[in-house]
Amino acid sequence: MTAGYNTSTAEDKKTLVLTEKPYQLVVWNDEVNTFEWVIETLEEVCGHSHEQAEQCAYIIHFKGKYAVKQGEYDELKPQCDAITERGIGATIEVMVD
């Protein structure tokens, strides 16, 4: 009976983790915007440090996209809008396990 309880508890914890921050803000690479502009945008819009924004920009460049932030939809939507208003491609995606 204890084993069944532990399994259920582990599943509950997994569910809590998955629903805590179910969305991610994804920034897409393009051939138009400079590294400097993307870095500045991530600093100003997402509150990233310069180093964090720079690392994100390199990952975006080499991988084609990168989830720069996780959170609730209502938290990420204004940030996504602000990024796209600056001419940078961004989307909000549901996180998958």
PDB file of N, CA and C in Angstrom:
ATOM      1  N   MET A   1       0.829  -1.188   0.000  1.00  0.00           N
ATOM      2  CA  MET A   1       0.000   0.000   0.000  1.00  0.00           C
ATOM      3  C   MET A   1       0.875   1.255   0.000  1.00  0.00           C
ATOM      4  N   THR A   2       1.989   1.239   0.687  1.00  0.00           N
ATOM      5  CA  THR A   2       2.880   2.383   0.708  1.00  0.00           C
ATOM      6  C   THR A   2       3.438   2.665  -0.686  1.00  0.00           C
ATOM      7  N   ALA A   3       3.779   1.601  -1.435  1.00  0.00           N
ATOM      8  CA  ALA A   3       4.313   1.786  -2.786  1.00  0.00           C
ATOM      9  C   ALA A   3       3.314   2.506  -3.667  1.00  0.00           C
ATOM     10  N   GLY A   4       2.044   2.131  -3.560  1.00  0.00           N
ATOM     11  CA  GLY A   4       1.012   2.807  -4.338  1.00  0.00           C
ATOM     12  C   GLY A   4       0.899   4.277  -3.977  1.00  0.00           C
ATOM     13  N   TYR A   5       1.029   4.582  -2.703  1.00  0.00           N
ATOM     14  CA  TYR A   5       0.963   5.968  -2.251  1.00  0.00           C
ATOM     15  C   TYR A   5       2.134   6.767  -2.795  1.00  0.00           C
ATOM     16  N   ASN A   6       3.330   6.207  -2.744  1.00  0.00           N
ATOM     17  CA  ASN A   6       4.518   6.896  -3.254  1.00  0.00           C
ATOM     18  C   ASN A   6       4.408   7.160  -4.754  1.00  0.00           C
ATOM     19  N   THR A   7       3.892   6.210  -5.493  1.00  0.00           N
ATOM     20  CA  THR A   7       3.719   6.398  -6.930  1.00  0.00           C
ATOM     21  C   THR A   7       2.740   7.537  -7.193  1.00  0.00           C
ATOM     22  N   SER A   8       1.647   7.536  -6.468  1.00  0.00           N
ATOM     23  CA  SER A   8       0.655   8.589  -6.627  1.00  0.00           C
ATOM     24  C   SER A   8       1.246   9.951  -6.272  1.00  0.00           C
ATOM     25  N   THR A   9       2.015   9.999  -5.205  1.00  0.00           N
ATOM     26  CA  THR A   9       2.643  11.244  -4.792  1.00  0.00           C
ATOM     27  C   THR A   9       3.616  11.734  -5.861  1.00  0.00           C
ATOM     28  N   ALA A  10       4.402  10.838  -6.426  1.00  0.00           N
ATOM     29  CA  ALA A  10       5.346  11.215  -7.479  1.00  0.00           C
ATOM     30  C   ALA A  10       4.591  11.756  -8.693  1.00  0.00           C
ATOM     31  N   GLU A  11       3.482  11.120  -9.053  1.00  0.00           N
ATOM     32  CA  GLU A  11       2.692  11.601 -10.172  1.00  0.00           C
ATOM     33  C   GLU A  11       2.100  12.970  -9.872  1.00  0.00           C
ATOM     34  N   ASP A  12       1.622  13.176  -8.654  1.00  0.00           N
ATOM     35  CA  ASP A  12       1.069  14.468  -8.272  1.00  0.00           C
ATOM     36  C   ASP A  12       2.132  15.558  -8.363  1.00  0.00           C
ATOM     37  N   LYS A  13       3.332  15.260  -7.901  1.00  0.00           N
ATOM     38  CA  LYS A  13       4.412  16.242  -7.966  1.00  0.00           C
ATOM     39  C   LYS A  13       4.750  16.568  -9.408  1.00  0.00           C
ATOM     40  N   LYS A  14       4.772  15.569 -10.262  1.00  0.00           N
ATOM     41  CA  LYS A  14       5.048  15.800 -11.670  1.00  0.00           C
ATOM     42  C   LYS A  14       3.985  16.713 -12.267  1.00  0.00           C
ATOM     43  N   THR A  15       2.743  16.480 -11.937  1.00  0.00           N
ATOM     44  CA  THR A  15       1.653  17.309 -12.426  1.00  0.00           C
ATOM     45  C   THR A  15       1.798  18.742 -11.937  1.00  0.00           C
ATOM     46  N   LEU A  16       2.169  18.914 -10.680  1.00  0.00           N
ATOM     47  CA  LEU A  16       2.361  20.257 -10.142  1.00  0.00           C
ATOM     48  C   LEU A  16       3.465  20.996 -10.880  1.00  0.00           C
ATOM     49  N   VAL A  17       4.542  20.321 -11.195  1.00  0.00           N
ATOM     50  CA  VAL A  17       5.649  20.939 -11.915  1.00  0.00           C
ATOM     51  C   VAL A  17       5.214  21.334 -13.313  1.00  0.00           C
ATOM     52  N   LEU A  18       4.462  20.481 -13.978  1.00  0.00           N
ATOM     53  CA  LEU A  18       4.046  20.756 -15.342  1.00  0.00           C
ATOM     54  C   LEU A  18       3.057  21.906 -15.429  1.00  0.00           C
ATOM     55  N   THR A  19       2.202  22.075 -14.428  1.00  0.00           N
ATOM     56  CA  THR A  19       1.190  23.115 -14.501  1.00  0.00           C
ATOM     57  C   THR A  19       1.646  24.427 -13.862  1.00  0.00           C
ATOM     58  N   GLU A  20       2.776  24.419 -13.158  1.00  0.00           N
ATOM     59  CA  GLU A  20       3.231  25.636 -12.496  1.00  0.00           C
ATOM     60  C   GLU A  20       3.578  26.726 -13.505  1.00  0.00           C
ATOM     61  N   LYS A  21       4.324  26.392 -14.544  1.00  0.00           N
ATOM     62  CA  LYS A  21       4.688  27.339 -15.594  1.00  0.00           C
ATOM     63  C   LYS A  21       4.479  26.642 -16.933  1.00  0.00           C
ATOM     64  N   PRO A  22       3.244  26.590 -17.396  1.00  0.00           N
ATOM     65  CA  PRO A  22       2.934  25.756 -18.557  1.00  0.00           C
ATOM     66  C   PRO A  22       3.262  26.365 -19.918  1.00  0.00           C
ATOM     67  N   TYR A  23       3.729  27.603 -19.961  1.00  0.00           N
ATOM     68  CA  TYR A  23       4.005  28.251 -21.239  1.00  0.00           C
ATOM     69  C   TYR A  23       5.451  28.707 -21.301  1.00  0.00           C
ATOM     70  N   GLN A  24       5.933  28.847 -22.542  1.00  0.00           N
ATOM     71  CA  GLN A  24       7.275  29.392 -22.739  1.00  0.00           C
ATOM     72  C   GLN A  24       7.247  30.441 -23.842  1.00  0.00           C
ATOM     73  N   LEU A  25       8.053  31.453 -23.662  1.00  0.00           N
ATOM     74  CA  LEU A  25       8.199  32.532 -24.631  1.00  0.00           C
ATOM     75  C   LEU A  25       9.371  32.182 -25.534  1.00  0.00           C
ATOM     76  N   VAL A  26       9.074  31.931 -26.797  1.00  0.00           N
ATOM     77  CA  VAL A  26      10.088  31.490 -27.749  1.00  0.00           C
ATOM     78  C   VAL A  26      10.433  32.646 -28.682  1.00  0.00           C
ATOM     79  N   VAL A  27      11.724  32.923 -28.810  1.00  0.00           N
ATOM     80  CA  VAL A  27      12.210  33.944 -29.742  1.00  0.00           C
ATOM     81  C   VAL A  27      12.862  33.213 -30.913  1.00  0.00           C
ATOM     82  N   TRP A  28      12.564  33.686 -32.110  1.00  0.00           N
ATOM     83  CA  TRP A  28      12.994  33.027 -33.342  1.00  0.00           C
ATOM     84  C   TRP A  28      14.138  33.792 -34.014  1.00  0.00           C
ATOM     85  N   ASN A  29      15.019  33.057 -34.653  1.00  0.00           N
ATOM     86  CA  ASN A  29      16.121  33.649 -35.408  1.00  0.00           C
ATOM     87  C   ASN A  29      15.610  34.228 -36.717  1.00  0.00           C
ATOM     88  N   ASP A  30      16.277  35.246 -37.184  1.00  0.00           N
ATOM     89  CA  ASP A  30      16.000  35.801 -38.504  1.00  0.00           C
ATOM     90  C   ASP A  30      17.292  36.358 -39.078  1.00  0.00           C
ATOM     91  N   GLU A  31      17.220  36.822 -40.285  1.00  0.00           N
ATOM     92  CA  GLU A  31      18.408  37.380 -40.948  1.00  0.00           C
ATOM     93  C   GLU A  31      18.382  38.909 -40.953  1.00  0.00           C
ATOM     94  N   VAL A  32      17.501  39.499 -40.164  1.00  0.00           N
ATOM     95  CA  VAL A  32      17.311  40.945 -40.187  1.00  0.00           C
ATOM     96  C   VAL A  32      17.883  41.627 -38.947  1.00  0.00           C
ATOM     97  N   ASN A  33      17.534  41.134 -37.781  1.00  0.00           N
ATOM     98  CA  ASN A  33      17.900  41.802 -36.533  1.00  0.00           C
ATOM     99  C   ASN A  33      19.324  41.454 -36.094  1.00  0.00           C
ATOM    100  N   THR A  34      19.978  42.448 -35.527  1.00  0.00           N
ATOM    101  CA  THR A  34      21.352  42.253 -35.062  1.00  0.00           C
ATOM    102  C   THR A  34      21.368  41.615 -33.682  1.00  0.00           C
ATOM    103  N   PHE A  35      22.519  41.045 -33.339  1.00  0.00           N
ATOM    104  CA  PHE A  35      22.689  40.498 -32.004  1.00  0.00           C
ATOM    105  C   PHE A  35      22.429  41.586 -30.957  1.00  0.00           C
ATOM    106  N   GLU A  36      22.949  42.764 -31.207  1.00  0.00           N
ATOM    107  CA  GLU A  36      22.820  43.860 -30.247  1.00  0.00           C
ATOM    108  C   GLU A  36      21.361  44.208 -29.989  1.00  0.00           C
ATOM    109  N   TRP A  37      20.557  44.225 -31.051  1.00  0.00           N
ATOM    110  CA  TRP A  37      19.141  44.567 -30.910  1.00  0.00           C
ATOM    111  C   TRP A  37      18.396  43.485 -30.126  1.00  0.00           C
ATOM    112  N   VAL A  38      18.691  42.219 -30.418  1.00  0.00           N
ATOM    113  CA  VAL A  38      18.054  41.117 -29.697  1.00  0.00           C
ATOM    114  C   VAL A  38      18.464  41.149 -28.225  1.00  0.00           C
ATOM    115  N   ILE A  39      19.741  41.362 -27.971  1.00  0.00           N
ATOM    116  CA  ILE A  39      20.241  41.424 -26.590  1.00  0.00           C
ATOM    117  C   ILE A  39      19.571  42.568 -25.830  1.00  0.00           C
ATOM    118  N   GLU A  40      19.544  43.736 -26.431  1.00  0.00           N
ATOM    119  CA  GLU A  40      18.905  44.898 -25.795  1.00  0.00           C
ATOM    120  C   GLU A  40      17.425  44.624 -25.513  1.00  0.00           C
ATOM    121  N   THR A  41      16.752  43.998 -26.455  1.00  0.00           N
ATOM    122  CA  THR A  41      15.334  43.675 -26.286  1.00  0.00           C
ATOM    123  C   THR A  41      15.118  42.709 -25.123  1.00  0.00           C
ATOM    124  N   LEU A  42      15.934  41.661 -25.047  1.00  0.00           N
ATOM    125  CA  LEU A  42      15.784  40.689 -23.964  1.00  0.00           C
ATOM    126  C   LEU A  42      16.070  41.322 -22.606  1.00  0.00           C
ATOM    127  N   GLU A  43      17.012  42.249 -22.562  1.00  0.00           N
ATOM    128  CA  GLU A  43      17.308  42.953 -21.310  1.00  0.00           C
ATOM    129  C   GLU A  43      16.124  43.814 -20.892  1.00  0.00           C
ATOM    130  N   GLU A  44      15.612  44.604 -21.836  1.00  0.00           N
ATOM    131  CA  GLU A  44      14.562  45.569 -21.512  1.00  0.00           C
ATOM    132  C   GLU A  44      13.186  44.929 -21.327  1.00  0.00           C
ATOM    133  N   VAL A  45      12.856  43.964 -22.162  1.00  0.00           N
ATOM    134  CA  VAL A  45      11.516  43.381 -22.129  1.00  0.00           C
ATOM    135  C   VAL A  45      11.408  42.243 -21.115  1.00  0.00           C
ATOM    136  N   CYS A  46      12.422  41.383 -21.075  1.00  0.00           N
ATOM    137  CA  CYS A  46      12.354  40.184 -20.221  1.00  0.00           C
ATOM    138  C   CYS A  46      13.101  40.346 -18.906  1.00  0.00           C
ATOM    139  N   GLY A  47      13.853  41.433 -18.758  1.00  0.00           N
ATOM    140  CA  GLY A  47      14.596  41.644 -17.521  1.00  0.00           C
ATOM    141  C   GLY A  47      15.837  40.779 -17.396  1.00  0.00           C
ATOM    142  N   HIS A  48      16.353  40.283 -18.528  1.00  0.00           N
ATOM    143  CA  HIS A  48      17.568  39.467 -18.499  1.00  0.00           C
ATOM    144  C   HIS A  48      18.784  40.340 -18.191  1.00  0.00           C
ATOM    145  N   SER A  49      19.776  39.737 -17.553  1.00  0.00           N
ATOM    146  CA  SER A  49      21.066  40.409 -17.413  1.00  0.00           C
ATOM    147  C   SER A  49      21.712  40.439 -18.800  1.00  0.00           C
ATOM    148  N   HIS A  50      22.739  41.256 -18.955  1.00  0.00           N
ATOM    149  CA  HIS A  50      23.412  41.324 -20.259  1.00  0.00           C
ATOM    150  C   HIS A  50      23.964  39.954 -20.659  1.00  0.00           C
ATOM    151  N   GLU A  51      24.578  39.271 -19.712  1.00  0.00           N
ATOM    152  CA  GLU A  51      25.170  37.964 -19.996  1.00  0.00           C
ATOM    153  C   GLU A  51      24.106  36.947 -20.392  1.00  0.00           C
ATOM    154  N   GLN A  52      22.991  36.941 -19.683  1.00  0.00           N
ATOM    155  CA  GLN A  52      21.908  36.017 -19.989  1.00  0.00           C
ATOM    156  C   GLN A  52      21.320  36.311 -21.372  1.00  0.00           C
ATOM    157  N   ALA A  53      21.109  37.584 -21.668  1.00  0.00           N
ATOM    158  CA  ALA A  53      20.553  37.976 -22.963  1.00  0.00           C
ATOM    159  C   ALA A  53      21.510  37.607 -24.096  1.00  0.00           C
ATOM    160  N   GLU A  54      22.794  37.790 -23.868  1.00  0.00           N
ATOM    161  CA  GLU A  54      23.798  37.452 -24.878  1.00  0.00           C
ATOM    162  C   GLU A  54      23.811  35.945 -25.145  1.00  0.00           C
ATOM    163  N   GLN A  55      23.751  35.141 -24.095  1.00  0.00           N
ATOM    164  CA  GLN A  55      23.713  33.695 -24.260  1.00  0.00           C
ATOM    165  C   GLN A  55      22.458  33.261 -25.024  1.00  0.00           C
ATOM    166  N   CYS A  56      21.327  33.852 -24.684  1.00  0.00           N
ATOM    167  CA  CYS A  56      20.083  33.540 -25.389  1.00  0.00           C
ATOM    168  C   CYS A  56      20.203  33.890 -26.876  1.00  0.00           C
ATOM    169  N   ALA A  57      20.784  35.039 -27.174  1.00  0.00           N
ATOM    170  CA  ALA A  57      20.933  35.474 -28.567  1.00  0.00           C
ATOM    171  C   ALA A  57      21.778  34.490 -29.368  1.00  0.00           C
ATOM    172  N   TYR A  58      22.840  33.984 -28.782  1.00  0.00           N
ATOM    173  CA  TYR A  58      23.677  33.008 -29.480  1.00  0.00           C
ATOM    174  C   TYR A  58      22.930  31.691 -29.698  1.00  0.00           C
ATOM    175  N   ILE A  59      22.183  31.250 -28.712  1.00  0.00           N
ATOM    176  CA  ILE A  59      21.406  30.015 -28.866  1.00  0.00           C
ATOM    177  C   ILE A  59      20.348  30.200 -29.952  1.00  0.00           C
ATOM    178  N   ILE A  60      19.667  31.348 -29.942  1.00  0.00           N
ATOM    179  CA  ILE A  60      18.669  31.653 -30.971  1.00  0.00           C
ATOM    180  C   ILE A  60      19.317  31.604 -32.352  1.00  0.00           C
ATOM    181  N   HIS A  61      20.485  32.198 -32.473  1.00  0.00           N
ATOM    182  CA  HIS A  61      21.190  32.255 -33.749  1.00  0.00           C
ATOM    183  C   HIS A  61      21.557  30.857 -34.256  1.00  0.00           C
ATOM    184  N   PHE A  62      22.118  30.043 -33.389  1.00  0.00           N
ATOM    185  CA  PHE A  62      22.620  28.743 -33.822  1.00  0.00           C
ATOM    186  C   PHE A  62      21.560  27.644 -33.859  1.00  0.00           C
ATOM    187  N   LYS A  63      20.529  27.742 -33.019  1.00  0.00           N
ATOM    188  CA  LYS A  63      19.493  26.698 -32.976  1.00  0.00           C
ATOM    189  C   LYS A  63      18.228  27.092 -33.744  1.00  0.00           C
ATOM    190  N   GLY A  64      18.087  28.361 -34.086  1.00  0.00           N
ATOM    191  CA  GLY A  64      16.917  28.816 -34.828  1.00  0.00           C
ATOM    192  C   GLY A  64      15.809  29.381 -33.963  1.00  0.00           C
ATOM    193  N   LYS A  65      15.783  28.981 -32.697  1.00  0.00           N
ATOM    194  CA  LYS A  65      14.806  29.504 -31.752  1.00  0.00           C
ATOM    195  C   LYS A  65      15.262  29.124 -30.356  1.00  0.00           C
ATOM    196  N   TYR A  66      14.687  29.819 -29.361  1.00  0.00           N
ATOM    197  CA  TYR A  66      15.023  29.485 -27.977  1.00  0.00           C
ATOM    198  C   TYR A  66      13.933  30.010 -27.056  1.00  0.00           C
ATOM    199  N   ALA A  67      13.575  29.192 -26.073  1.00  0.00           N
ATOM    200  CA  ALA A  67      12.602  29.603 -25.058  1.00  0.00           C
ATOM    201  C   ALA A  67      13.334  30.467 -24.034  1.00  0.00           C
ATOM    202  N   VAL A  68      13.128  31.771 -24.113  1.00  0.00           N
ATOM    203  CA  VAL A  68      13.870  32.713 -23.270  1.00  0.00           C
ATOM    204  C   VAL A  68      13.236  32.906 -21.901  1.00  0.00           C
ATOM    205  N   LYS A  69      11.983  32.443 -21.742  1.00  0.00           N
ATOM    206  CA  LYS A  69      11.298  32.632 -20.465  1.00  0.00           C
ATOM    207  C   LYS A  69      10.142  31.642 -20.350  1.00  0.00           C
ATOM    208  N   GLN A  70       9.850  31.246 -19.127  1.00  0.00           N
ATOM    209  CA  GLN A  70       8.724  30.366 -18.850  1.00  0.00           C
ATOM    210  C   GLN A  70       7.786  31.065 -17.873  1.00  0.00           C
ATOM    211  N   GLY A  71       6.500  30.747 -17.967  1.00  0.00           N
ATOM    212  CA  GLY A  71       5.561  31.350 -17.031  1.00  0.00           C
ATOM    213  C   GLY A  71       4.128  31.158 -17.458  1.00  0.00           C
ATOM    214  N   GLU A  72       3.270  31.913 -16.839  1.00  0.00           N
ATOM    215  CA  GLU A  72       1.849  31.883 -17.166  1.00  0.00           C
ATOM    216  C   GLU A  72       1.607  32.692 -18.443  1.00  0.00           C
ATOM    217  N   TYR A  73       0.583  32.320 -19.177  1.00  0.00           N
ATOM    218  CA  TYR A  73       0.268  32.985 -20.435  1.00  0.00           C
ATOM    219  C   TYR A  73       0.089  34.496 -20.247  1.00  0.00           C
ATOM    220  N   ASP A  74      -0.673  34.876 -19.220  1.00  0.00           N
ATOM    221  CA  ASP A  74      -0.962  36.294 -18.984  1.00  0.00           C
ATOM    222  C   ASP A  74       0.300  37.092 -18.664  1.00  0.00           C
ATOM    223  N   GLU A  75       1.308  36.451 -18.117  1.00  0.00           N
ATOM    224  CA  GLU A  75       2.590  37.105 -17.827  1.00  0.00           C
ATOM    225  C   GLU A  75       3.431  37.251 -19.100  1.00  0.00           C
ATOM    226  N   LEU A  76       3.398  36.231 -19.951  1.00  0.00           N
ATOM    227  CA  LEU A  76       4.251  36.207 -21.138  1.00  0.00           C
ATOM    228  C   LEU A  76       3.681  36.974 -22.325  1.00  0.00           C
ATOM    229  N   LYS A  77       2.363  37.091 -22.422  1.00  0.00           N
ATOM    230  CA  LYS A  77       1.726  37.729 -23.577  1.00  0.00           C
ATOM    231  C   LYS A  77       2.187  39.168 -23.800  1.00  0.00           C
ATOM    232  N   PRO A  78       2.215  40.032 -22.776  1.00  0.00           N
ATOM    233  CA  PRO A  78       2.697  41.397 -23.014  1.00  0.00           C
ATOM    234  C   PRO A  78       4.169  41.439 -23.435  1.00  0.00           C
ATOM    235  N   GLN A  79       4.970  40.520 -22.913  1.00  0.00           N
ATOM    236  CA  GLN A  79       6.381  40.475 -23.295  1.00  0.00           C
ATOM    237  C   GLN A  79       6.524  40.012 -24.739  1.00  0.00           C
ATOM    238  N   CYS A  80       5.735  39.022 -25.135  1.00  0.00           N
ATOM    239  CA  CYS A  80       5.749  38.552 -26.518  1.00  0.00           C
ATOM    240  C   CYS A  80       5.353  39.683 -27.467  1.00  0.00           C
ATOM    241  N   ASP A  81       4.302  40.407 -27.100  1.00  0.00           N
ATOM    242  CA  ASP A  81       3.857  41.534 -27.923  1.00  0.00           C
ATOM    243  C   ASP A  81       4.932  42.607 -28.040  1.00  0.00           C
ATOM    244  N   ALA A  82       5.607  42.904 -26.935  1.00  0.00           N
ATOM    245  CA  ALA A  82       6.658  43.922 -26.946  1.00  0.00           C
ATOM    246  C   ALA A  82       7.829  43.499 -27.834  1.00  0.00           C
ATOM    247  N   ILE A  83       8.159  42.221 -27.805  1.00  0.00           N
ATOM    248  CA  ILE A  83       9.258  41.725 -28.643  1.00  0.00           C
ATOM    249  C   ILE A  83       8.878  41.800 -30.115  1.00  0.00           C
ATOM    250  N   THR A  84       7.666  41.368 -30.455  1.00  0.00           N
ATOM    251  CA  THR A  84       7.258  41.400 -31.861  1.00  0.00           C
ATOM    252  C   THR A  84       7.085  42.833 -32.363  1.00  0.00           C
ATOM    253  N   GLU A  85       6.699  43.752 -31.484  1.00  0.00           N
ATOM    254  CA  GLU A  85       6.597  45.157 -31.879  1.00  0.00           C
ATOM    255  C   GLU A  85       7.963  45.737 -32.240  1.00  0.00           C
ATOM    256  N   ARG A  86       9.025  45.135 -31.751  1.00  0.00           N
ATOM    257  CA  ARG A  86      10.395  45.553 -32.080  1.00  0.00           C
ATOM    258  C   ARG A  86      10.913  44.854 -33.338  1.00  0.00           C
ATOM    259  N   GLY A  87      10.053  44.080 -33.990  1.00  0.00           N
ATOM    260  CA  GLY A  87      10.432  43.440 -35.245  1.00  0.00           C
ATOM    261  C   GLY A  87      11.132  42.102 -35.087  1.00  0.00           C
ATOM    262  N   ILE A  88      11.069  41.517 -33.907  1.00  0.00           N
ATOM    263  CA  ILE A  88      11.699  40.227 -33.641  1.00  0.00           C
ATOM    264  C   ILE A  88      10.588  39.184 -33.523  1.00  0.00           C
ATOM    265  N   GLY A  89      10.789  38.044 -34.158  1.00  0.00           N
ATOM    266  CA  GLY A  89       9.791  36.981 -34.119  1.00  0.00           C
ATOM    267  C   GLY A  89       9.739  36.326 -32.748  1.00  0.00           C
ATOM    268  N   ALA A  90       8.542  36.221 -32.192  1.00  0.00           N
ATOM    269  CA  ALA A  90       8.361  35.581 -30.891  1.00  0.00           C
ATOM    270  C   ALA A  90       6.977  34.952 -30.840  1.00  0.00           C
ATOM    271  N   THR A  91       6.895  33.835 -30.133  1.00  0.00           N
ATOM    272  CA  THR A  91       5.625  33.142 -29.951  1.00  0.00           C
ATOM    273  C   THR A  91       5.544  32.631 -28.515  1.00  0.00           C
ATOM    274  N   ILE A  92       4.339  32.310 -28.107  1.00  0.00           N
ATOM    275  CA  ILE A  92       4.123  31.654 -26.819  1.00  0.00           C
ATOM    276  C   ILE A  92       3.693  30.235 -27.127  1.00  0.00           C
ATOM    277  N   GLU A  93       4.376  29.277 -26.533  1.00  0.00           N
ATOM    278  CA  GLU A  93       4.077  27.876 -26.776  1.00  0.00           C
ATOM    279  C   GLU A  93       3.782  27.159 -25.479  1.00  0.00           C
ATOM    280  N   VAL A  94       2.927  26.155 -25.564  1.00  0.00           N
ATOM    281  CA  VAL A  94       2.654  25.299 -24.428  1.00  0.00           C
ATOM    282  C   VAL A  94       3.861  24.399 -24.230  1.00  0.00           C
ATOM    283  N   MET A  95       4.318  24.289 -22.994  1.00  0.00           N
ATOM    284  CA  MET A  95       5.445  23.426 -22.697  1.00  0.00           C
ATOM    285  C   MET A  95       5.003  21.972 -22.760  1.00  0.00           C
ATOM    286  N   VAL A  96       5.840  21.135 -23.308  1.00  0.00           N
ATOM    287  CA  VAL A  96       5.566  19.707 -23.359  1.00  0.00           C
ATOM    288  C   VAL A  96       6.633  18.969 -22.566  1.00  0.00           C
ATOM    289  N   ASP A  97       6.223  17.846 -22.006  1.00  0.00           N
ATOM    290  CA  ASP A  97       7.136  17.055 -21.200  1.00  0.00           C
ATOM    291  C   ASP A  97       8.031  16.201 -22.059  1.00  0.00           C
TER     292      ASP A  97
END
